[in-house]
Amino acid sequence: MTMTIKEIKEDCIQIDLANVLLGDESIGTYVDGKFLPFKDENDVRLFYSSISVKELLDIFSQYNGLKCLKNDGESLREHGYVVDIDSLLEYLQK
């Protein structure tokens, strides 16, 4: 699986947007300590327009269960990931 950062971002946008359109009010962001649910595509795209690469990869990893795969002892390479995103996230947190 070869994806650019732009494709990873669009993948996350589509997942969030699908959930928002289904009425899921747990999709949103915190502003000044207050949770604000996304209402529409504009809200979702606005959130992702200024997201850091670290935060984007963290969301992508969660949405694709990459940490669970790794915790189960599976190699992410077996699932088509050339870069171990979870290890990259650990490195970026240092």
PDB file of N, CA and C in Angstrom:
ATOM      1  N   MET A   1       0.857  -1.172   0.000  1.00  0.00           N
ATOM      2  CA  MET A   1       0.000   0.000   0.000  1.00  0.00           C
ATOM      3  C   MET A   1       0.898   1.228   0.000  1.00  0.00           C
ATOM      4  N   THR A   2       0.819   2.009  -1.024  1.00  0.00           N
ATOM      5  CA  THR A   2       1.586   3.247  -1.110  1.00  0.00           C
ATOM      6  C   THR A   2       0.605   4.401  -1.128  1.00  0.00           C
ATOM      7  N   MET A   3       0.705   5.248  -0.101  1.00  0.00           N
ATOM      8  CA  MET A   3      -0.177   6.404  -0.014  1.00  0.00           C
ATOM      9  C   MET A   3       0.652   7.636   0.293  1.00  0.00           C
ATOM     10  N   THR A   4       0.275   8.729  -0.317  1.00  0.00           N
ATOM     11  CA  THR A   4       0.907  10.002   0.003  1.00  0.00           C
ATOM     12  C   THR A   4       0.217  10.594   1.226  1.00  0.00           C
ATOM     13  N   ILE A   5       0.840  11.597   1.818  1.00  0.00           N
ATOM     14  CA  ILE A   5       0.217  12.286   2.953  1.00  0.00           C
ATOM     15  C   ILE A   5      -1.132  12.861   2.528  1.00  0.00           C
ATOM     16  N   LYS A   6      -1.191  13.375   1.316  1.00  0.00           N
ATOM     17  CA  LYS A   6      -2.451  13.933   0.802  1.00  0.00           C
ATOM     18  C   LYS A   6      -3.533  12.850   0.726  1.00  0.00           C
ATOM     19  N   GLU A   7      -3.163  11.651   0.299  1.00  0.00           N
ATOM     20  CA  GLU A   7      -4.133  10.551   0.211  1.00  0.00           C
ATOM     21  C   GLU A   7      -4.539  10.063   1.597  1.00  0.00           C
ATOM     22  N   ILE A   8      -3.586  10.034   2.524  1.00  0.00           N
ATOM     23  CA  ILE A   8      -3.903   9.640   3.899  1.00  0.00           C
ATOM     24  C   ILE A   8      -4.885  10.649   4.499  1.00  0.00           C
ATOM     25  N   LYS A   9      -4.634  11.932   4.248  1.00  0.00           N
ATOM     26  CA  LYS A   9      -5.520  12.984   4.757  1.00  0.00           C
ATOM     27  C   LYS A   9      -6.926  12.822   4.173  1.00  0.00           C
ATOM     28  N   GLU A  10      -7.015  12.602   2.875  1.00  0.00           N
ATOM     29  CA  GLU A  10      -8.331  12.457   2.229  1.00  0.00           C
ATOM     30  C   GLU A  10      -9.057  11.216   2.748  1.00  0.00           C
ATOM     31  N   ASP A  11      -8.312  10.138   3.002  1.00  0.00           N
ATOM     32  CA  ASP A  11      -8.903   8.926   3.557  1.00  0.00           C
ATOM     33  C   ASP A  11      -9.534   9.216   4.922  1.00  0.00           C
ATOM     34  N   CYS A  12      -8.809   9.937   5.778  1.00  0.00           N
ATOM     35  CA  CYS A  12      -9.332  10.294   7.098  1.00  0.00           C
ATOM     36  C   CYS A  12     -10.534  11.233   6.982  1.00  0.00           C
ATOM     37  N   ILE A  13     -10.457  12.175   6.054  1.00  0.00           N
ATOM     38  CA  ILE A  13     -11.583  13.088   5.830  1.00  0.00           C
ATOM     39  C   ILE A  13     -12.827  12.310   5.449  1.00  0.00           C
ATOM     40  N   GLN A  14     -12.682  11.363   4.542  1.00  0.00           N
ATOM     41  CA  GLN A  14     -13.840  10.587   4.074  1.00  0.00           C
ATOM     42  C   GLN A  14     -14.446   9.745   5.195  1.00  0.00           C
ATOM     43  N   ILE A  15     -13.598   9.190   6.055  1.00  0.00           N
ATOM     44  CA  ILE A  15     -14.103   8.403   7.196  1.00  0.00           C
ATOM     45  C   ILE A  15     -14.883   9.308   8.137  1.00  0.00           C
ATOM     46  N   ASP A  16     -14.294  10.457   8.491  1.00  0.00           N
ATOM     47  CA  ASP A  16     -14.990  11.387   9.385  1.00  0.00           C
ATOM     48  C   ASP A  16     -16.272  11.912   8.759  1.00  0.00           C
ATOM     49  N   LEU A  17     -16.201  12.272   7.495  1.00  0.00           N
ATOM     50  CA  LEU A  17     -17.363  12.815   6.811  1.00  0.00           C
ATOM     51  C   LEU A  17     -18.500  11.800   6.757  1.00  0.00           C
ATOM     52  N   ALA A  18     -18.190  10.556   6.467  1.00  0.00           N
ATOM     53  CA  ALA A  18     -19.218   9.512   6.432  1.00  0.00           C
ATOM     54  C   ALA A  18     -19.909   9.406   7.790  1.00  0.00           C
ATOM     55  N   ASN A  19     -19.131   9.458   8.856  1.00  0.00           N
ATOM     56  CA  ASN A  19     -19.721   9.376  10.196  1.00  0.00           C
ATOM     57  C   ASN A  19     -20.547  10.610  10.536  1.00  0.00           C
ATOM     58  N   VAL A  20     -20.069  11.776  10.150  1.00  0.00           N
ATOM     59  CA  VAL A  20     -20.822  13.017  10.399  1.00  0.00           C
ATOM     60  C   VAL A  20     -22.152  12.967   9.656  1.00  0.00           C
ATOM     61  N   LEU A  21     -22.125  12.524   8.407  1.00  0.00           N
ATOM     62  CA  LEU A  21     -23.352  12.458   7.612  1.00  0.00           C
ATOM     63  C   LEU A  21     -24.344  11.429   8.161  1.00  0.00           C
ATOM     64  N   LEU A  22     -23.825  10.455   8.920  1.00  0.00           N
ATOM     65  CA  LEU A  22     -24.704   9.481   9.569  1.00  0.00           C
ATOM     66  C   LEU A  22     -25.241   9.993  10.904  1.00  0.00           C
ATOM     67  N   GLY A  23     -24.833  11.213  11.271  1.00  0.00           N
ATOM     68  CA  GLY A  23     -25.346  11.822  12.502  1.00  0.00           C
ATOM     69  C   GLY A  23     -24.492  11.584  13.731  1.00  0.00           C
ATOM     70  N   ASP A  24     -23.296  11.054  13.555  1.00  0.00           N
ATOM     71  CA  ASP A  24     -22.394  10.800  14.682  1.00  0.00           C
ATOM     72  C   ASP A  24     -21.873  12.123  15.226  1.00  0.00           C
ATOM     73  N   GLU A  25     -22.276  12.470  16.437  1.00  0.00           N
ATOM     74  CA  GLU A  25     -21.870  13.733  17.044  1.00  0.00           C
ATOM     75  C   GLU A  25     -20.604  13.602  17.881  1.00  0.00           C
ATOM     76  N   SER A  26     -19.963  12.424  17.834  1.00  0.00           N
ATOM     77  CA  SER A  26     -18.716  12.245  18.574  1.00  0.00           C
ATOM     78  C   SER A  26     -17.503  12.621  17.727  1.00  0.00           C
ATOM     79  N   ILE A  27     -17.737  12.988  16.465  1.00  0.00           N
ATOM     80  CA  ILE A  27     -16.659  13.396  15.570  1.00  0.00           C
ATOM     81  C   ILE A  27     -16.553  14.915  15.643  1.00  0.00           C
ATOM     82  N   GLY A  28     -15.404  15.398  16.107  1.00  0.00           N
ATOM     83  CA  GLY A  28     -15.228  16.838  16.237  1.00  0.00           C
ATOM     84  C   GLY A  28     -13.866  17.161  16.796  1.00  0.00           C
ATOM     85  N   THR A  29     -13.753  18.320  17.385  1.00  0.00           N
ATOM     86  CA  THR A  29     -12.483  18.766  17.948  1.00  0.00           C
ATOM     87  C   THR A  29     -12.732  19.609  19.187  1.00  0.00           C
ATOM     88  N   TYR A  30     -11.672  19.785  19.956  1.00  0.00           N
ATOM     89  CA  TYR A  30     -11.761  20.625  21.147  1.00  0.00           C
ATOM     90  C   TYR A  30     -11.202  22.013  20.841  1.00  0.00           C
ATOM     91  N   VAL A  31     -11.940  23.021  21.259  1.00  0.00           N
ATOM     92  CA  VAL A  31     -11.501  24.405  21.134  1.00  0.00           C
ATOM     93  C   VAL A  31     -11.664  25.046  22.507  1.00  0.00           C
ATOM     94  N   ASP A  32     -10.560  25.534  23.050  1.00  0.00           N
ATOM     95  CA  ASP A  32     -10.567  26.143  24.387  1.00  0.00           C
ATOM     96  C   ASP A  32     -11.180  25.214  25.429  1.00  0.00           C
ATOM     97  N   GLY A  33     -10.877  23.922  25.319  1.00  0.00           N
ATOM     98  CA  GLY A  33     -11.361  22.943  26.285  1.00  0.00           C
ATOM     99  C   GLY A  33     -12.796  22.505  26.088  1.00  0.00           C
ATOM    100  N   LYS A  34     -13.452  23.015  25.064  1.00  0.00           N
ATOM    101  CA  LYS A  34     -14.853  22.667  24.817  1.00  0.00           C
ATOM    102  C   LYS A  34     -14.940  21.828  23.537  1.00  0.00           C
ATOM    103  N   PHE A  35     -15.685  20.711  23.604  1.00  0.00           N
ATOM    104  CA  PHE A  35     -15.835  19.846  22.442  1.00  0.00           C
ATOM    105  C   PHE A  35     -16.852  20.439  21.463  1.00  0.00           C
ATOM    106  N   LEU A  36     -16.444  20.548  20.209  1.00  0.00           N
ATOM    107  CA  LEU A  36     -17.323  21.042  19.155  1.00  0.00           C
ATOM    108  C   LEU A  36     -17.473  19.961  18.084  1.00  0.00           C
ATOM    109  N   PRO A  37     -18.670  19.377  17.964  1.00  0.00           N
ATOM    110  CA  PRO A  37     -18.854  18.344  16.937  1.00  0.00           C
ATOM    111  C   PRO A  37     -18.860  18.962  15.536  1.00  0.00           C
ATOM    112  N   PHE A  38     -18.337  18.201  14.574  1.00  0.00           N
ATOM    113  CA  PHE A  38     -18.390  18.649  13.189  1.00  0.00           C
ATOM    114  C   PHE A  38     -19.827  18.545  12.703  1.00  0.00           C
ATOM    115  N   LYS A  39     -20.252  19.548  11.929  1.00  0.00           N
ATOM    116  CA  LYS A  39     -21.626  19.583  11.425  1.00  0.00           C
ATOM    117  C   LYS A  39     -21.732  19.178   9.968  1.00  0.00           C
ATOM    118  N   ASP A  40     -20.649  19.428   9.199  1.00  0.00           N
ATOM    119  CA  ASP A  40     -20.717  19.176   7.759  1.00  0.00           C
ATOM    120  C   ASP A  40     -19.322  18.990   7.174  1.00  0.00           C
ATOM    121  N   GLU A  41     -19.263  18.827   5.861  1.00  0.00           N
ATOM    122  CA  GLU A  41     -17.986  18.608   5.185  1.00  0.00           C
ATOM    123  C   GLU A  41     -17.029  19.775   5.391  1.00  0.00           C
ATOM    124  N   ASN A  42     -17.547  20.989   5.412  1.00  0.00           N
ATOM    125  CA  ASN A  42     -16.692  22.155   5.611  1.00  0.00           C
ATOM    126  C   ASN A  42     -15.960  22.087   6.951  1.00  0.00           C
ATOM    127  N   ASP A  43     -16.662  21.694   8.010  1.00  0.00           N
ATOM    128  CA  ASP A  43     -16.035  21.561   9.328  1.00  0.00           C
ATOM    129  C   ASP A  43     -14.921  20.516   9.298  1.00  0.00           C
ATOM    130  N   VAL A  44     -15.192  19.387   8.667  1.00  0.00           N
ATOM    131  CA  VAL A  44     -14.213  18.299   8.599  1.00  0.00           C
ATOM    132  C   VAL A  44     -12.979  18.759   7.826  1.00  0.00           C
ATOM    133  N   ARG A  45     -13.197  19.341   6.660  1.00  0.00           N
ATOM    134  CA  ARG A  45     -12.064  19.781   5.834  1.00  0.00           C
ATOM    135  C   ARG A  45     -11.283  20.911   6.503  1.00  0.00           C
ATOM    136  N   LEU A  46     -11.964  21.782   7.207  1.00  0.00           N
ATOM    137  CA  LEU A  46     -11.288  22.860   7.927  1.00  0.00           C
ATOM    138  C   LEU A  46     -10.363  22.288   8.999  1.00  0.00           C
ATOM    139  N   PHE A  47     -10.834  21.294   9.720  1.00  0.00           N
ATOM    140  CA  PHE A  47     -10.013  20.645  10.743  1.00  0.00           C
ATOM    141  C   PHE A  47      -8.742  20.065  10.130  1.00  0.00           C
ATOM    142  N   TYR A  48      -8.896  19.352   9.024  1.00  0.00           N
ATOM    143  CA  TYR A  48      -7.741  18.698   8.399  1.00  0.00           C
ATOM    144  C   TYR A  48      -6.843  19.669   7.635  1.00  0.00           C
ATOM    145  N   SER A  49      -7.299  20.869   7.377  1.00  0.00           N
ATOM    146  CA  SER A  49      -6.479  21.818   6.621  1.00  0.00           C
ATOM    147  C   SER A  49      -5.257  22.288   7.409  1.00  0.00           C
ATOM    148  N   SER A  50      -5.331  22.247   8.719  1.00  0.00           N
ATOM    149  CA  SER A  50      -4.214  22.730   9.523  1.00  0.00           C
ATOM    150  C   SER A  50      -3.658  21.663  10.467  1.00  0.00           C
ATOM    151  N   ILE A  51      -3.945  20.416  10.191  1.00  0.00           N
ATOM    152  CA  ILE A  51      -3.505  19.328  11.055  1.00  0.00           C
ATOM    153  C   ILE A  51      -2.015  19.048  10.845  1.00  0.00           C
ATOM    154  N   SER A  52      -1.327  18.688  11.909  1.00  0.00           N
ATOM    155  CA  SER A  52       0.090  18.329  11.794  1.00  0.00           C
ATOM    156  C   SER A  52       0.208  16.912  11.230  1.00  0.00           C
ATOM    157  N   VAL A  53       1.351  16.615  10.663  1.00  0.00           N
ATOM    158  CA  VAL A  53       1.575  15.268  10.119  1.00  0.00           C
ATOM    159  C   VAL A  53       1.482  14.239  11.239  1.00  0.00           C
ATOM    160  N   LYS A  54       2.028  14.546  12.399  1.00  0.00           N
ATOM    161  CA  LYS A  54       1.962  13.625  13.528  1.00  0.00           C
ATOM    162  C   LYS A  54       0.512  13.313  13.903  1.00  0.00           C
ATOM    163  N   GLU A  55      -0.295  14.352  14.024  1.00  0.00           N
ATOM    164  CA  GLU A  55      -1.695  14.163  14.395  1.00  0.00           C
ATOM    165  C   GLU A  55      -2.452  13.393  13.308  1.00  0.00           C
ATOM    166  N   LEU A  56      -2.168  13.709  12.053  1.00  0.00           N
ATOM    167  CA  LEU A  56      -2.799  13.010  10.940  1.00  0.00           C
ATOM    168  C   LEU A  56      -2.461  11.525  10.970  1.00  0.00           C
ATOM    169  N   LEU A  57      -1.175  11.198  11.163  1.00  0.00           N
ATOM    170  CA  LEU A  57      -0.770   9.792  11.195  1.00  0.00           C
ATOM    171  C   LEU A  57      -1.344   9.073  12.407  1.00  0.00           C
ATOM    172  N   ASP A  58      -1.508   9.785  13.514  1.00  0.00           N
ATOM    173  CA  ASP A  58      -2.118   9.187  14.694  1.00  0.00           C
ATOM    174  C   ASP A  58      -3.573   8.814  14.408  1.00  0.00           C
ATOM    175  N   ILE A  59      -4.305   9.712  13.777  1.00  0.00           N
ATOM    176  CA  ILE A  59      -5.704   9.438  13.414  1.00  0.00           C
ATOM    177  C   ILE A  59      -5.774   8.291  12.417  1.00  0.00           C
ATOM    178  N   PHE A  60      -4.932   8.320  11.393  1.00  0.00           N
ATOM    179  CA  PHE A  60      -4.901   7.267  10.379  1.00  0.00           C
ATOM    180  C   PHE A  60      -4.606   5.913  11.026  1.00  0.00           C
ATOM    181  N   SER A  61      -3.656   5.897  11.947  1.00  0.00           N
ATOM    182  CA  SER A  61      -3.287   4.667  12.645  1.00  0.00           C
ATOM    183  C   SER A  61      -4.468   4.120  13.445  1.00  0.00           C
ATOM    184  N   GLN A  62      -5.182   5.011  14.123  1.00  0.00           N
ATOM    185  CA  GLN A  62      -6.352   4.594  14.898  1.00  0.00           C
ATOM    186  C   GLN A  62      -7.440   4.044  13.990  1.00  0.00           C
ATOM    187  N   TYR A  63      -7.728   4.750  12.910  1.00  0.00           N
ATOM    188  CA  TYR A  63      -8.798   4.342  12.004  1.00  0.00           C
ATOM    189  C   TYR A  63      -8.514   3.006  11.331  1.00  0.00           C
ATOM    190  N   ASN A  64      -7.231   2.670  11.173  1.00  0.00           N
ATOM    191  CA  ASN A  64      -6.869   1.433  10.488  1.00  0.00           C
ATOM    192  C   ASN A  64      -6.403   0.338  11.439  1.00  0.00           C
ATOM    193  N   GLY A  65      -6.497   0.586  12.728  1.00  0.00           N
ATOM    194  CA  GLY A  65      -6.163  -0.437  13.724  1.00  0.00           C
ATOM    195  C   GLY A  65      -4.706  -0.864  13.707  1.00  0.00           C
ATOM    196  N   LEU A  66      -3.809   0.045  13.337  1.00  0.00           N
ATOM    197  CA  LEU A  66      -2.409  -0.328  13.193  1.00  0.00           C
ATOM    198  C   LEU A  66      -1.762  -0.688  14.527  1.00  0.00           C
ATOM    199  N   LYS A  67      -2.107   0.020  15.582  1.00  0.00           N
ATOM    200  CA  LYS A  67      -1.542  -0.295  16.897  1.00  0.00           C
ATOM    201  C   LYS A  67      -2.024  -1.663  17.358  1.00  0.00           C
ATOM    202  N   CYS A  68      -3.273  -1.995  17.087  1.00  0.00           N
ATOM    203  CA  CYS A  68      -3.810  -3.313  17.458  1.00  0.00           C
ATOM    204  C   CYS A  68      -3.075  -4.421  16.721  1.00  0.00           C
ATOM    205  N   LEU A  69      -2.825  -4.203  15.430  1.00  0.00           N
ATOM    206  CA  LEU A  69      -2.086  -5.206  14.653  1.00  0.00           C
ATOM    207  C   LEU A  69      -0.698  -5.416  15.251  1.00  0.00           C
ATOM    208  N   LYS A  70      -0.039  -4.323  15.569  1.00  0.00           N
ATOM    209  CA  LYS A  70       1.307  -4.406  16.121  1.00  0.00           C
ATOM    210  C   LYS A  70       1.278  -5.078  17.486  1.00  0.00           C
ATOM    211  N   ASN A  71       0.303  -4.736  18.322  1.00  0.00           N
ATOM    212  CA  ASN A  71       0.188  -5.351  19.645  1.00  0.00           C
ATOM    213  C   ASN A  71      -0.102  -6.841  19.555  1.00  0.00           C
ATOM    214  N   ASP A  72      -0.741  -7.258  18.474  1.00  0.00           N
ATOM    215  CA  ASP A  72      -1.022  -8.681  18.258  1.00  0.00           C
ATOM    216  C   ASP A  72       0.185  -9.413  17.691  1.00  0.00           C
ATOM    217  N   GLY A  73       1.299  -8.683  17.533  1.00  0.00           N
ATOM    218  CA  GLY A  73       2.528  -9.301  17.058  1.00  0.00           C
ATOM    219  C   GLY A  73       2.626  -9.418  15.544  1.00  0.00           C
ATOM    220  N   GLU A  74       1.724  -8.770  14.840  1.00  0.00           N
ATOM    221  CA  GLU A  74       1.754  -8.827  13.381  1.00  0.00           C
ATOM    222  C   GLU A  74       2.645  -7.721  12.834  1.00  0.00           C
ATOM    223  N   SER A  75       3.324  -8.032  11.758  1.00  0.00           N
ATOM    224  CA  SER A  75       4.149  -7.038  11.086  1.00  0.00           C
ATOM    225  C   SER A  75       3.258  -6.195  10.179  1.00  0.00           C
ATOM    226  N   LEU A  76       3.415  -4.881  10.281  1.00  0.00           N
ATOM    227  CA  LEU A  76       2.618  -4.012   9.419  1.00  0.00           C
ATOM    228  C   LEU A  76       3.030  -4.179   7.963  1.00  0.00           C
ATOM    229  N   ARG A  77       4.269  -4.614   7.732  1.00  0.00           N
ATOM    230  CA  ARG A  77       4.718  -4.886   6.360  1.00  0.00           C
ATOM    231  C   ARG A  77       3.871  -5.988   5.721  1.00  0.00           C
ATOM    232  N   GLU A  78       3.442  -6.954   6.525  1.00  0.00           N
ATOM    233  CA  GLU A  78       2.586  -8.032   6.024  1.00  0.00           C
ATOM    234  C   GLU A  78       1.250  -7.492   5.516  1.00  0.00           C
ATOM    235  N   HIS A  79       0.864  -6.341   6.031  1.00  0.00           N
ATOM    236  CA  HIS A  79      -0.402  -5.721   5.642  1.00  0.00           C
ATOM    237  C   HIS A  79      -0.205  -4.622   4.600  1.00  0.00           C
ATOM    238  N   GLY A  80       1.014  -4.548   4.049  1.00  0.00           N
ATOM    239  CA  GLY A  80       1.274  -3.617   2.959  1.00  0.00           C
ATOM    240  C   GLY A  80       1.818  -2.265   3.359  1.00  0.00           C
ATOM    241  N   TYR A  81       2.123  -2.069   4.644  1.00  0.00           N
ATOM    242  CA  TYR A  81       2.668  -0.790   5.092  1.00  0.00           C
ATOM    243  C   TYR A  81       4.182  -0.853   5.042  1.00  0.00           C
ATOM    244  N   VAL A  82       4.799   0.026   4.276  1.00  0.00           N
ATOM    245  CA  VAL A  82       6.247   0.050   4.142  1.00  0.00           C
ATOM    246  C   VAL A  82       6.866   0.725   5.361  1.00  0.00           C
ATOM    247  N   VAL A  83       6.221   1.764   5.854  1.00  0.00           N
ATOM    248  CA  VAL A  83       6.699   2.470   7.040  1.00  0.00           C
ATOM    249  C   VAL A  83       5.824   2.038   8.208  1.00  0.00           C
ATOM    250  N   ASP A  84       6.447   1.724   9.314  1.00  0.00           N
ATOM    251  CA  ASP A  84       5.723   1.378  10.524  1.00  0.00           C
ATOM    252  C   ASP A  84       5.230   2.687  11.138  1.00  0.00           C
ATOM    253  N   ILE A  85       4.005   3.049  10.839  1.00  0.00           N
ATOM    254  CA  ILE A  85       3.454   4.335  11.272  1.00  0.00           C
ATOM    255  C   ILE A  85       3.453   4.451  12.790  1.00  0.00           C
ATOM    256  N   ASP A  86       3.166   3.352  13.474  1.00  0.00           N
ATOM    257  CA  ASP A  86       3.141   3.407  14.928  1.00  0.00           C
ATOM    258  C   ASP A  86       4.522   3.736  15.479  1.00  0.00           C
ATOM    259  N   SER A  87       5.573   3.134  14.938  1.00  0.00           N
ATOM    260  CA  SER A  87       6.940   3.447  15.379  1.00  0.00           C
ATOM    261  C   SER A  87       7.300   4.889  15.039  1.00  0.00           C
ATOM    262  N   LEU A  88       6.857   5.350  13.886  1.00  0.00           N
ATOM    263  CA  LEU A  88       7.096   6.733  13.493  1.00  0.00           C
ATOM    264  C   LEU A  88       6.432   7.689  14.478  1.00  0.00           C
ATOM    265  N   LEU A  89       5.217   7.366  14.891  1.00  0.00           N
ATOM    266  CA  LEU A  89       4.520   8.204  15.868  1.00  0.00           C
ATOM    267  C   LEU A  89       5.264   8.221  17.196  1.00  0.00           C
ATOM    268  N   GLU A  90       5.764   7.056  17.624  1.00  0.00           N
ATOM    269  CA  GLU A  90       6.531   7.004  18.872  1.00  0.00           C
ATOM    270  C   GLU A  90       7.754   7.912  18.765  1.00  0.00           C
ATOM    271  N   TYR A  91       8.424   7.874  17.626  1.00  0.00           N
ATOM    272  CA  TYR A  91       9.606   8.704  17.415  1.00  0.00           C
ATOM    273  C   TYR A  91       9.247  10.196  17.449  1.00  0.00           C
ATOM    274  N   LEU A  92       8.127  10.556  16.822  1.00  0.00           N
ATOM    275  CA  LEU A  92       7.731  11.964  16.764  1.00  0.00           C
ATOM    276  C   LEU A  92       7.327  12.497  18.139  1.00  0.00           C
ATOM    277  N   GLN A  93       6.932  11.630  19.042  1.00  0.00           N
ATOM    278  CA  GLN A  93       6.513  12.072  20.384  1.00  0.00           C
ATOM    279  C   GLN A  93       7.691  12.380  21.286  1.00  0.00           C
ATOM    280  N   LYS A  94       8.892  11.989  20.889  1.00  0.00           N
ATOM    281  CA  LYS A  94      10.089  12.226  21.714  1.00  0.00           C
ATOM    282  C   LYS A  94      10.504  13.668  21.656  1.00  0.00           C
TER     283      LYS A  94
END
